[in-house]
């Protein structure tokens, strides 16, 4: 362990620290402003859809994000601010738990540097502003590592039980939580001083508590033919695996973006140096560093290797950076940290300008802009066709947003026989829609004209309806310029057909 620990009062007055505190405060302040002004994201709406249909688990993810949003919206009401507040408070607890974890492995000075590095990242901005399963995952992940440290180094055996429950809650947040099990088993097998623990009754209790905690997810899967487990395993494989070096370049780009380039490439550089020095001689690595690396390297290098064959999403590697940042902070000094924080402030100010003024249009449904105005216009159209049901087929985004804003069930592409993620598992009986008219809404983020034509309707929709009639499209403007387009169609006389 790092024995050069000092009290914060002994170094905060040093030249340079005050400016770092100011920079960190600016980053935190900008994020808090975002909480109040940023509109809803489709992910917020989709996981709130989870929360409105509470269950043991869900099709594409475990249930923790649903419980979190249900708790906050239950207290503060069904509004965007309550959802953002859930993310912000949870992420605030995450940062505090991270600081406590860092102090276990490095001096207090380095722990503050590590925390400042974490605060500087767009990764934390994403967690604090957009509802995803990663929000509870990262908090539970950090708490798991805290408890494991106490169990192993402080020899407080009761913490094995707490670690087991918290590892289970990590898995109940996102299936990536299983990498905690992989990491701790890897560490205990490699670290000679602690190897005997893997055969202890306390480690068995750790695994038992983990198994008990994930029972809701297992039971839901058993009741639903293991739909979620299949979706996250063989379903991903069916999406297509093929050698494509551009995937590596993509991951390199978006990972350096969410960490900011200086931090990301310092991680890559020092991992390279570390591997060059130690190779496969794991026994020569200090146990505290080995522990951190066991929760960093498998995810970090593993997903980079996978990126040559499969598109790795931007948030999959986030848990790796928890122990990775603590490990790499020992190489950082105040000068590097100042560069990182200054760049972070510039990036966050640019984000603020974009969120407030929407200078650069986002040609995607993954945006905060225009959803509330769009929902209001849909409600106006809805009054013209009060007996029609509404559906969309762009995966989940438009349907989830409308489910949030409208006081009725808005359907997804399961209406036309396609798989529709969680919309398939909320107990709706599509046969009850037989004979009804429908309003079909199609988002066109990369529109080239302002017309509404039947070319936007897939031909096979005609077997589900007698007639498809174009309606006036919904256009969302900003500063006199049309920025978003939604095509609308009146679909006459729905014919339900069981999915083959």
Protein backbone atom coordinates (compact mmCIF):
# COMPACT_ATOMS: atom_id res chain seq x y z
CA UNK A 1 0.00 0.00 0.00
CA UNK A 2 0.97 3.63 -0.43
CA UNK A 3 2.33 4.70 2.96
CA UNK A 4 2.89 8.35 2.03
CA UNK A 5 -0.55 9.47 3.13
CA UNK A 6 -1.00 13.05 4.27
CA UNK A 7 -3.91 15.11 5.51
CA UNK A 8 -5.65 17.41 3.04
CA UNK A 9 -4.80 20.44 5.19
CA UNK A 10 -1.09 19.87 4.53
CA UNK A 11 -1.26 20.30 0.77
CA UNK A 12 -4.37 22.24 -0.20
CA UNK A 13 -2.63 25.59 0.55
CA UNK A 14 0.15 24.69 -1.89
CA UNK A 15 0.33 26.87 -5.01
CA UNK A 16 -1.88 25.56 -7.78
CA UNK A 17 -4.39 23.59 -5.73
CA UNK A 18 -6.80 26.49 -5.37
CA UNK A 19 -7.08 26.84 -9.17
CA UNK A 20 -7.75 23.11 -9.48
CA UNK A 21 -10.57 23.36 -6.95
CA UNK A 22 -12.05 26.29 -8.92
CA UNK A 23 -11.89 24.30 -12.18
CA UNK A 24 -13.56 21.26 -10.56
CA UNK A 25 -16.26 23.51 -9.10
CA UNK A 26 -16.92 24.98 -12.54
CA UNK A 27 -17.36 21.51 -14.04
CA UNK A 28 -19.75 20.48 -11.25
CA UNK A 29 -21.68 23.75 -11.53
CA UNK A 30 -22.15 23.39 -15.29
CA UNK A 31 -23.46 19.86 -14.81
CA UNK A 32 -25.96 21.03 -12.19
CA UNK A 33 -27.20 23.67 -14.64
CA UNK A 34 -27.63 20.94 -17.25
CA UNK A 35 -29.90 19.07 -14.82
CA UNK A 36 -32.33 21.98 -14.86
CA UNK A 37 -32.29 22.90 -18.55
CA UNK A 38 -31.61 19.74 -20.53
CA UNK A 39 -34.65 18.15 -22.14
CA UNK A 40 -35.59 14.51 -22.00
CA UNK A 41 -33.51 11.94 -23.85
CA UNK A 42 -35.11 8.84 -25.42
CA UNK A 43 -33.16 6.70 -22.95
CA UNK A 44 -34.73 8.62 -20.05
CA UNK A 45 -38.19 7.95 -21.45
CA UNK A 46 -37.51 4.30 -22.22
CA UNK A 47 -36.26 3.45 -18.74
CA UNK A 48 -39.11 5.43 -17.24
CA UNK A 49 -41.33 3.12 -19.32
CA UNK A 50 -39.63 0.33 -17.36
CA UNK A 51 -40.49 2.17 -14.13
CA UNK A 52 -44.16 2.48 -15.07
CA UNK A 53 -44.29 -1.28 -15.60
CA UNK A 54 -42.36 -2.57 -12.59
CA UNK A 55 -41.18 -6.16 -12.90
CA UNK A 56 -38.49 -8.50 -11.60
CA UNK A 57 -36.40 -7.72 -14.67
CA UNK A 58 -36.72 -6.56 -18.27
CA UNK A 59 -36.00 -7.74 -21.78
CA UNK A 60 -32.87 -5.77 -22.62
CA UNK A 61 -31.57 -4.97 -19.11
CA UNK A 62 -31.96 -5.88 -15.43
CA UNK A 63 -34.26 -3.78 -13.22
CA UNK A 64 -32.19 -1.40 -11.05
CA UNK A 65 -32.62 1.66 -13.29
CA UNK A 66 -36.39 1.11 -13.23
CA UNK A 67 -36.46 0.98 -9.42
CA UNK A 68 -34.28 4.09 -9.21
CA UNK A 69 -36.52 6.14 -11.51
CA UNK A 70 -39.69 4.85 -9.85
CA UNK A 71 -38.35 5.99 -6.48
CA UNK A 72 -37.49 9.52 -7.59
CA UNK A 73 -40.57 10.09 -9.76
CA UNK A 74 -42.69 8.69 -6.95
CA UNK A 75 -41.38 11.48 -4.69
CA UNK A 76 -40.99 14.36 -7.16
CA UNK A 77 -43.60 13.49 -9.76
CA UNK A 78 -43.53 12.38 -13.41
CA UNK A 79 -41.34 15.07 -14.90
CA UNK A 80 -37.99 15.40 -16.63
CA UNK A 81 -36.38 17.16 -13.67
CA UNK A 82 -37.13 14.23 -11.34
CA UNK A 83 -35.49 11.82 -13.78
CA UNK A 84 -32.40 14.00 -14.18
CA UNK A 85 -32.24 14.44 -10.40
CA UNK A 86 -32.15 10.66 -9.96
CA UNK A 87 -29.15 10.45 -12.27
CA UNK A 88 -27.39 13.45 -10.71
CA UNK A 89 -27.78 12.35 -7.08
CA UNK A 90 -26.78 8.78 -7.85
CA UNK A 91 -23.72 9.98 -9.73
CA UNK A 92 -22.84 12.32 -6.86
CA UNK A 93 -22.85 9.32 -4.51
CA UNK A 94 -20.74 7.49 -7.09
CA UNK A 95 -18.06 10.19 -7.03
CA UNK A 96 -17.98 10.19 -3.21
CA UNK A 97 -17.72 6.38 -3.06
CA UNK A 98 -14.96 6.58 -5.67
CA UNK A 99 -12.98 8.97 -3.47
CA UNK A 100 -13.31 6.58 -0.51
CA UNK A 101 -12.12 3.72 -2.71
CA UNK A 102 -9.18 5.69 -4.08
CA UNK A 103 -7.99 6.54 -0.54
CA UNK A 104 -7.63 2.84 0.13
CA UNK A 105 -5.01 2.44 -2.61
CA UNK A 106 -3.19 5.78 -2.89
CA UNK A 107 -2.36 8.76 -0.70
CA UNK A 108 -5.03 11.33 0.02
CA UNK A 109 -3.35 13.73 -2.39
CA UNK A 110 -3.47 11.16 -5.19
CA UNK A 111 -7.03 10.21 -4.23
CA UNK A 112 -8.08 13.82 -4.78
CA UNK A 113 -6.28 13.83 -8.13
CA UNK A 114 -8.09 10.62 -9.08
CA UNK A 115 -11.44 12.12 -8.07
CA UNK A 116 -10.72 15.30 -10.02
CA UNK A 117 -9.86 13.16 -13.05
CA UNK A 118 -13.13 11.29 -12.70
CA UNK A 119 -15.07 14.54 -12.37
CA UNK A 120 -13.42 15.94 -15.49
CA UNK A 121 -14.69 13.21 -17.80
CA UNK A 122 -17.67 13.28 -20.13
CA UNK A 123 -18.30 9.79 -18.77
CA UNK A 124 -19.52 11.35 -15.52
CA UNK A 125 -21.51 13.95 -17.46
CA UNK A 126 -23.32 11.17 -19.31
CA UNK A 127 -24.03 9.29 -16.07
CA UNK A 128 -25.35 12.41 -14.33
CA UNK A 129 -27.60 13.52 -17.20
CA UNK A 130 -28.89 10.47 -19.07
CA UNK A 131 -30.79 7.59 -17.46
CA UNK A 132 -29.13 4.30 -18.37
CA UNK A 133 -28.43 1.07 -16.47
CA UNK A 134 -24.86 2.33 -16.07
CA UNK A 135 -26.03 4.91 -13.52
CA UNK A 136 -26.76 2.39 -10.71
CA UNK A 137 -24.16 -0.05 -12.09
CA UNK A 138 -21.19 2.24 -11.47
CA UNK A 139 -22.29 3.12 -7.93
CA UNK A 140 -22.80 -0.55 -7.03
CA UNK A 141 -19.54 -1.49 -8.78
CA UNK A 142 -17.54 0.98 -6.68
CA UNK A 143 -19.25 -0.09 -3.46
CA UNK A 144 -18.48 -3.71 -4.32
CA UNK A 145 -14.76 -2.91 -4.65
CA UNK A 146 -14.85 -0.96 -1.37
CA UNK A 147 -16.34 -3.94 0.46
CA UNK A 148 -13.95 -6.40 -1.19
CA UNK A 149 -11.02 -4.26 -0.05
CA UNK A 150 -12.27 -4.31 3.53
CA UNK A 151 -12.79 -8.08 3.36
CA UNK A 152 -9.35 -8.82 1.92
CA UNK A 153 -6.95 -6.24 3.39
CA UNK A 154 -8.74 -5.18 6.58
CA UNK A 155 -9.74 -8.84 7.13
CA UNK A 156 -13.29 -7.90 8.10
CA UNK A 157 -14.97 -11.12 7.05
CA UNK A 158 -18.50 -9.76 7.37
CA UNK A 159 -17.73 -7.50 4.41
CA UNK A 160 -17.64 -10.55 2.13
CA UNK A 161 -21.41 -10.73 2.62
CA UNK A 162 -21.92 -7.03 1.90
CA UNK A 163 -19.66 -7.35 -1.14
CA UNK A 164 -21.75 -10.29 -2.37
CA UNK A 165 -25.00 -8.36 -2.12
CA UNK A 166 -23.48 -5.30 -3.78
CA UNK A 167 -21.97 -7.39 -6.60
CA UNK A 168 -25.43 -8.86 -7.09
CA UNK A 169 -26.94 -5.37 -7.30
CA UNK A 170 -24.29 -4.52 -9.89
CA UNK A 171 -25.51 -7.47 -11.96
CA UNK A 172 -29.11 -6.39 -11.28
CA UNK A 173 -28.13 -3.05 -12.82
CA UNK A 174 -26.41 -4.41 -15.91
CA UNK A 175 -25.03 -7.79 -16.92
CA UNK A 176 -21.56 -6.23 -17.07
CA UNK A 177 -21.60 -6.61 -13.29
CA UNK A 178 -20.50 -10.22 -13.77
CA UNK A 179 -17.01 -8.87 -14.48
CA UNK A 180 -16.68 -8.17 -10.75
CA UNK A 181 -16.88 -11.92 -10.16
CA UNK A 182 -14.36 -12.51 -12.94
CA UNK A 183 -12.06 -9.84 -11.51
CA UNK A 184 -12.07 -11.07 -7.92
CA UNK A 185 -11.59 -14.70 -8.93
CA UNK A 186 -8.72 -13.66 -11.18
CA UNK A 187 -7.15 -11.64 -8.37
CA UNK A 188 -7.43 -14.43 -5.78
CA UNK A 189 -5.95 -16.98 -8.17
CA UNK A 190 -2.98 -14.75 -9.02
CA UNK A 191 -2.20 -13.05 -5.68
CA UNK A 192 -0.26 -15.59 -3.58
CA UNK A 193 -0.80 -13.80 -0.22
CA UNK A 194 -4.57 -14.01 -0.68
CA UNK A 195 -4.93 -17.17 -2.76
CA UNK A 196 -6.22 -19.27 0.13
CA UNK A 197 -9.27 -17.00 0.40
CA UNK A 198 -10.79 -18.51 -2.73
CA UNK A 199 -11.35 -21.75 -0.80
CA UNK A 200 -12.65 -20.05 2.34
CA UNK A 201 -16.21 -20.22 3.62
CA UNK A 202 -16.39 -16.43 3.38
CA UNK A 203 -15.75 -16.44 -0.35
CA UNK A 204 -18.43 -19.10 -0.69
CA UNK A 205 -20.81 -16.83 1.25
CA UNK A 206 -19.85 -13.99 -1.09
CA UNK A 207 -20.90 -16.06 -4.10
CA UNK A 208 -24.04 -17.23 -2.29
CA UNK A 209 -25.12 -13.66 -1.49
CA UNK A 210 -24.46 -12.72 -5.11
CA UNK A 211 -26.63 -15.63 -6.28
CA UNK A 212 -29.46 -14.67 -3.91
CA UNK A 213 -29.41 -11.04 -5.01
CA UNK A 214 -29.67 -11.84 -8.72
CA UNK A 215 -32.63 -14.21 -8.22
CA UNK A 216 -35.19 -11.65 -9.54
CA UNK A 217 -33.33 -11.48 -12.85
CA UNK A 218 -33.01 -15.26 -13.06
CA UNK A 219 -36.69 -15.82 -12.18
CA UNK A 220 -37.85 -13.29 -14.80
CA UNK A 221 -35.73 -15.02 -17.42
CA UNK A 222 -37.06 -18.44 -16.46
CA UNK A 223 -40.62 -17.14 -16.76
CA UNK A 224 -39.90 -15.59 -20.16
CA UNK A 225 -37.91 -18.40 -21.83
CA UNK A 226 -34.57 -16.74 -20.94
CA UNK A 227 -35.41 -13.92 -23.34
CA UNK A 228 -33.06 -11.35 -21.79
CA UNK A 229 -30.10 -13.71 -21.44
CA UNK A 230 -30.57 -14.80 -25.06
CA UNK A 231 -30.86 -11.22 -26.27
CA UNK A 232 -27.58 -10.23 -24.61
CA UNK A 233 -25.72 -13.34 -25.80
CA UNK A 234 -26.85 -15.11 -28.95
CA UNK A 235 -28.87 -12.05 -29.96
CA UNK A 236 -25.69 -9.97 -30.10
CA UNK A 237 -23.99 -12.69 -32.14
CA UNK A 238 -26.86 -12.75 -34.63
CA UNK A 239 -26.38 -9.01 -35.19
CA UNK A 240 -23.24 -10.00 -37.01
CA UNK A 241 -19.61 -10.65 -36.15
CA UNK A 242 -17.04 -9.98 -38.86
CA UNK A 243 -13.50 -8.65 -38.97
CA UNK A 244 -13.61 -4.87 -39.39
CA UNK A 245 -10.66 -2.71 -38.25
CA UNK A 246 -12.82 0.42 -38.43
CA UNK A 247 -14.54 -0.80 -35.27
CA UNK A 248 -11.28 -0.40 -33.38
CA UNK A 249 -10.88 3.14 -34.70
CA UNK A 250 -14.44 3.93 -33.63
CA UNK A 251 -13.88 2.67 -30.09
CA UNK A 252 -10.59 4.54 -29.91
CA UNK A 253 -12.40 7.73 -30.88
CA UNK A 254 -15.40 7.56 -28.59
CA UNK A 255 -13.47 6.26 -25.59
CA UNK A 256 -10.93 9.08 -25.86
CA UNK A 257 -13.90 11.45 -26.11
CA UNK A 258 -15.70 10.31 -22.96
CA UNK A 259 -12.49 10.32 -20.89
CA UNK A 260 -10.94 13.26 -22.76
CA UNK A 261 -7.79 12.49 -24.76
CA UNK A 262 -5.13 13.23 -22.14
CA UNK A 263 -6.59 10.81 -19.59
CA UNK A 264 -7.41 8.13 -22.13
CA UNK A 265 -4.03 8.07 -23.80
CA UNK A 266 -2.23 8.21 -20.45
CA UNK A 267 -4.12 5.04 -19.51
CA UNK A 268 -3.15 3.40 -22.79
CA UNK A 269 0.48 4.52 -22.49
CA UNK A 270 1.01 3.40 -18.91
CA UNK A 271 -0.74 0.09 -19.52
CA UNK A 272 1.66 -0.44 -22.43
CA UNK A 273 4.63 0.39 -20.21
CA UNK A 274 3.30 -1.84 -17.46
CA UNK A 275 2.79 -4.82 -19.78
CA UNK A 276 6.22 -4.29 -21.29
CA UNK A 277 7.79 -4.33 -17.82
CA UNK A 278 5.92 -7.27 -16.28
CA UNK A 279 4.60 -9.27 -19.24
CA UNK A 280 2.90 -12.34 -17.79
CA UNK A 281 4.90 -12.30 -14.56
CA UNK A 282 1.86 -11.45 -12.44
CA UNK A 283 3.51 -12.60 -9.23
CA UNK A 284 5.88 -9.61 -9.37
CA UNK A 285 3.02 -7.10 -9.26
CA UNK A 286 2.16 -5.49 -5.94
CA UNK A 287 -1.12 -6.87 -4.64
CA UNK A 288 -2.83 -3.48 -4.42
CA UNK A 289 -1.98 -2.67 -8.05
CA UNK A 290 -2.90 -6.19 -9.12
CA UNK A 291 -6.33 -5.81 -7.50
CA UNK A 292 -7.04 -2.59 -9.43
CA UNK A 293 -5.78 -4.06 -12.69
CA UNK A 294 -7.95 -7.17 -12.37
CA UNK A 295 -11.02 -4.94 -12.63
CA UNK A 296 -9.56 -2.78 -15.37
CA UNK A 297 -7.54 -4.81 -17.88
CA UNK A 298 -10.11 -7.57 -18.70
CA UNK A 299 -12.76 -5.02 -19.69
CA UNK A 300 -10.41 -2.46 -21.24
CA UNK A 301 -8.34 -4.80 -23.40
CA UNK A 302 -11.18 -7.28 -23.87
CA UNK A 303 -13.56 -4.80 -25.46
CA UNK A 304 -10.79 -3.30 -27.57
CA UNK A 305 -10.05 -6.80 -28.90
CA UNK A 306 -13.77 -7.36 -29.53
CA UNK A 307 -13.98 -4.07 -31.45
CA UNK A 308 -12.19 -5.67 -34.41
CA UNK A 309 -15.21 -7.96 -34.87
CA UNK A 310 -18.21 -6.20 -33.29
CA UNK A 311 -19.27 -2.60 -32.70
CA UNK A 312 -18.55 -1.86 -29.03
CA UNK A 313 -20.98 0.69 -27.58
CA UNK A 314 -19.64 3.81 -25.94
CA UNK A 315 -20.72 2.88 -22.39
CA UNK A 316 -19.63 -0.77 -22.23
CA UNK A 317 -16.14 0.04 -20.94
CA UNK A 318 -17.16 2.58 -18.28
CA UNK A 319 -16.78 0.21 -15.27
CA UNK A 320 -13.16 -0.51 -16.24
CA UNK A 321 -12.21 3.13 -15.78
CA UNK A 322 -13.06 3.12 -12.07
CA UNK A 323 -10.03 1.10 -10.99
CA UNK A 324 -8.11 2.23 -14.09
CA UNK A 325 -8.20 5.89 -13.04
CA UNK A 326 -7.15 5.04 -9.48
CA UNK A 327 -4.27 2.96 -10.84
CA UNK A 328 -3.04 5.58 -13.31
CA UNK A 329 -3.41 8.61 -11.00
CA UNK A 330 -0.14 7.69 -9.27
CA UNK A 331 1.63 8.86 -12.46
CA UNK A 332 -0.22 12.18 -12.67
CA UNK A 333 0.90 15.54 -11.28
CA UNK A 334 -0.80 18.90 -10.81
CA UNK A 335 0.40 20.18 -14.18
CA UNK A 336 -1.20 17.34 -16.13
CA UNK A 337 -4.34 17.57 -14.03
CA UNK A 338 -4.62 21.31 -14.75
CA UNK A 339 -4.47 20.64 -18.51
CA UNK A 340 -7.15 17.97 -18.15
CA UNK A 341 -9.44 20.22 -16.11
CA UNK A 342 -9.02 23.27 -18.34
CA UNK A 343 -9.85 21.19 -21.40
CA UNK A 344 -12.81 19.69 -19.55
CA UNK A 345 -14.18 23.15 -18.67
CA UNK A 346 -13.88 24.19 -22.33
CA UNK A 347 -15.70 21.04 -23.48
CA UNK A 348 -18.47 21.48 -20.91
CA UNK A 349 -18.94 25.13 -21.82
CA UNK A 350 -19.24 24.08 -25.47
CA UNK A 351 -21.84 21.51 -24.38
CA UNK A 352 -23.74 24.23 -22.52
CA UNK A 353 -23.84 26.41 -25.63
CA UNK A 354 -25.08 23.46 -27.70
CA UNK A 355 -27.76 22.44 -25.19
CA UNK A 356 -29.07 26.00 -24.80
CA UNK A 357 -28.81 27.24 -28.40
CA UNK A 358 -28.69 23.98 -30.42
CA UNK A 359 -26.12 25.41 -32.82
CA UNK A 360 -25.10 22.07 -34.34
CA UNK A 361 -28.20 20.05 -35.35
CA UNK A 362 -28.07 16.39 -34.35
CA UNK A 363 -29.37 14.24 -37.20
CA UNK A 364 -30.38 11.44 -34.88
CA UNK A 365 -33.18 10.54 -32.49
CA UNK A 366 -30.55 10.46 -29.72
CA UNK A 367 -31.11 14.09 -28.85
CA UNK A 368 -32.81 16.17 -26.17
CA UNK A 369 -34.13 18.71 -28.68
CA UNK A 370 -37.74 18.99 -29.79
CA UNK A 371 -39.36 16.04 -28.02
CA UNK A 372 -41.70 18.06 -25.79
CA UNK A 373 -42.91 20.25 -28.66
CA UNK A 374 -43.31 17.17 -30.84
CA UNK A 375 -45.42 15.44 -28.17
CA UNK A 376 -47.66 18.50 -27.89
CA UNK A 377 -48.28 18.46 -31.64
CA UNK A 378 -49.04 14.72 -31.56
CA UNK A 379 -51.60 15.42 -28.84
CA UNK A 380 -53.25 17.97 -31.15
CA UNK A 381 -53.42 15.42 -33.99
CA UNK A 382 -54.71 12.86 -31.50
CA UNK A 383 -57.82 14.96 -30.87
CA UNK A 384 -58.73 14.72 -34.56
CA UNK A 385 -58.71 10.91 -34.39
CA UNK A 386 -59.81 10.09 -30.83
CA UNK A 387 -60.55 6.41 -31.51
CA UNK A 388 -57.22 5.62 -33.20
CA UNK A 389 -54.26 4.13 -31.36
CA UNK A 390 -50.72 5.45 -31.89
CA UNK A 391 -47.60 3.49 -32.77
CA UNK A 392 -44.09 4.03 -34.07
CA UNK A 393 -41.46 1.61 -35.34
CA UNK A 394 -38.07 3.23 -34.71
CA UNK A 395 -36.99 0.67 -32.10
CA UNK A 396 -38.14 2.39 -28.91
CA UNK A 397 -37.32 6.11 -29.01
CA UNK A 398 -40.44 7.80 -30.39
CA UNK A 399 -42.80 5.39 -28.66
CA UNK A 400 -41.02 5.81 -25.32
CA UNK A 401 -41.12 9.62 -25.55
CA UNK A 402 -44.84 9.63 -26.35
CA UNK A 403 -45.53 7.17 -23.53
CA UNK A 404 -43.85 9.64 -21.20
CA UNK A 405 -45.75 12.73 -22.36
CA UNK A 406 -49.16 11.34 -23.38
CA UNK A 407 -51.59 9.82 -20.93
CA UNK A 408 -52.12 6.63 -22.94
CA UNK A 409 -50.33 3.55 -24.23
CA UNK A 410 -48.29 4.26 -27.34
CA UNK A 411 -47.25 1.09 -29.15
CA UNK A 412 -44.07 0.12 -30.94
CA UNK A 413 -43.28 -2.05 -33.96
CA UNK A 414 -44.81 -5.13 -32.34
CA UNK A 415 -48.04 -3.81 -33.91
CA UNK A 416 -46.67 -4.83 -37.33
CA UNK A 417 -45.19 -8.15 -36.24
CA UNK A 418 -41.63 -7.07 -35.41
CA UNK A 419 -39.78 -7.55 -32.14
CA UNK A 420 -40.10 -4.44 -29.98
CA UNK A 421 -37.79 -4.86 -26.96
CA UNK A 422 -39.63 -4.25 -23.67
CA UNK A 423 -42.85 -3.31 -25.48
CA UNK A 424 -43.30 -7.04 -26.07
CA UNK A 425 -43.29 -7.74 -22.33
CA UNK A 426 -45.71 -5.28 -20.70
CA UNK A 427 -48.82 -7.43 -21.06
CA UNK A 428 -50.53 -5.59 -23.93
CA UNK A 429 -53.02 -7.66 -25.93
CA UNK A 430 -52.70 -6.51 -29.54
CA UNK A 431 -55.78 -8.52 -30.54
CA UNK A 432 -57.87 -5.87 -28.76
CA UNK A 433 -56.74 -3.38 -31.42
CA UNK A 434 -58.38 -5.36 -34.24
CA UNK A 435 -60.54 -3.18 -36.47
CA UNK A 436 -59.22 0.09 -35.06
CA UNK A 437 -57.56 2.86 -36.99
CA UNK A 438 -53.98 3.83 -36.09
CA UNK A 439 -51.77 6.89 -36.28
CA UNK A 440 -48.35 5.76 -37.42
CA UNK A 441 -45.47 8.13 -36.62
CA UNK A 442 -42.13 7.82 -38.35
CA UNK A 443 -39.16 9.91 -37.23
CA UNK A 444 -36.96 11.12 -40.10
CA UNK A 445 -33.77 12.48 -38.48
CA UNK A 446 -31.92 12.75 -41.82
CA UNK A 447 -34.81 14.19 -43.82
CA UNK A 448 -34.11 15.76 -47.22
CA UNK A 449 -37.57 17.24 -47.86
CA UNK A 450 -40.57 18.45 -45.90
CA UNK A 451 -43.15 16.34 -47.68
CA UNK A 452 -45.04 13.35 -46.29
CA UNK A 453 -45.15 10.51 -48.79
CA UNK A 454 -45.99 6.81 -48.69
CA UNK A 455 -42.38 5.98 -49.54
CA UNK A 456 -41.71 6.11 -45.77
CA UNK A 457 -44.08 3.18 -45.20
CA UNK A 458 -42.62 -0.36 -45.57
CA UNK A 459 -44.71 -2.32 -48.11
CA UNK A 460 -45.51 -5.13 -45.67
CA UNK A 461 -47.51 -2.71 -43.49
CA UNK A 462 -50.30 -3.06 -46.07
CA UNK A 463 -51.12 -6.54 -44.81
CA UNK A 464 -51.92 -5.08 -41.38
CA UNK A 465 -54.14 -2.23 -42.60
CA UNK A 466 -56.72 -1.72 -45.34
CA UNK A 467 -55.37 1.70 -46.28
CA UNK A 468 -52.48 4.00 -45.37
CA UNK A 469 -53.17 7.73 -45.79
CA UNK A 470 -50.41 10.36 -45.44
CA UNK A 471 -51.13 13.18 -43.01
CA UNK A 472 -49.41 16.51 -42.61
CA UNK A 473 -45.92 15.93 -41.14
CA UNK A 474 -44.85 17.37 -37.80
CA UNK A 475 -41.97 19.82 -38.20
CA UNK A 476 -39.91 21.14 -35.31
CA UNK A 477 -38.16 24.45 -35.88
CA UNK A 478 -35.32 26.32 -34.23
CA UNK A 479 -34.55 29.92 -35.16
CA UNK A 480 -36.83 29.68 -38.19
CA UNK A 481 -35.12 26.55 -39.50
CA UNK A 482 -36.74 23.10 -39.58
CA UNK A 483 -34.53 20.81 -37.49
CA UNK A 484 -36.67 17.70 -37.04
CA UNK A 485 -39.30 15.99 -39.13
CA UNK A 486 -41.84 13.32 -38.19
CA UNK A 487 -43.99 11.74 -40.91
CA UNK A 488 -47.56 10.88 -39.92
CA UNK A 489 -49.96 8.39 -41.49
CA UNK A 490 -53.54 7.39 -40.79
CA UNK A 491 -53.73 3.60 -41.04
CA UNK A 492 -57.27 2.27 -41.52
CA UNK A 493 -58.72 -0.91 -39.98
CA UNK A 494 -55.95 -2.83 -38.18
CA UNK A 495 -55.69 -6.60 -38.69
CA UNK A 496 -53.78 -8.35 -35.91
CA UNK A 497 -51.53 -11.18 -37.10
CA UNK A 498 -49.60 -13.40 -34.67
CA UNK A 499 -45.83 -13.15 -35.01
CA UNK A 500 -44.35 -16.19 -36.69
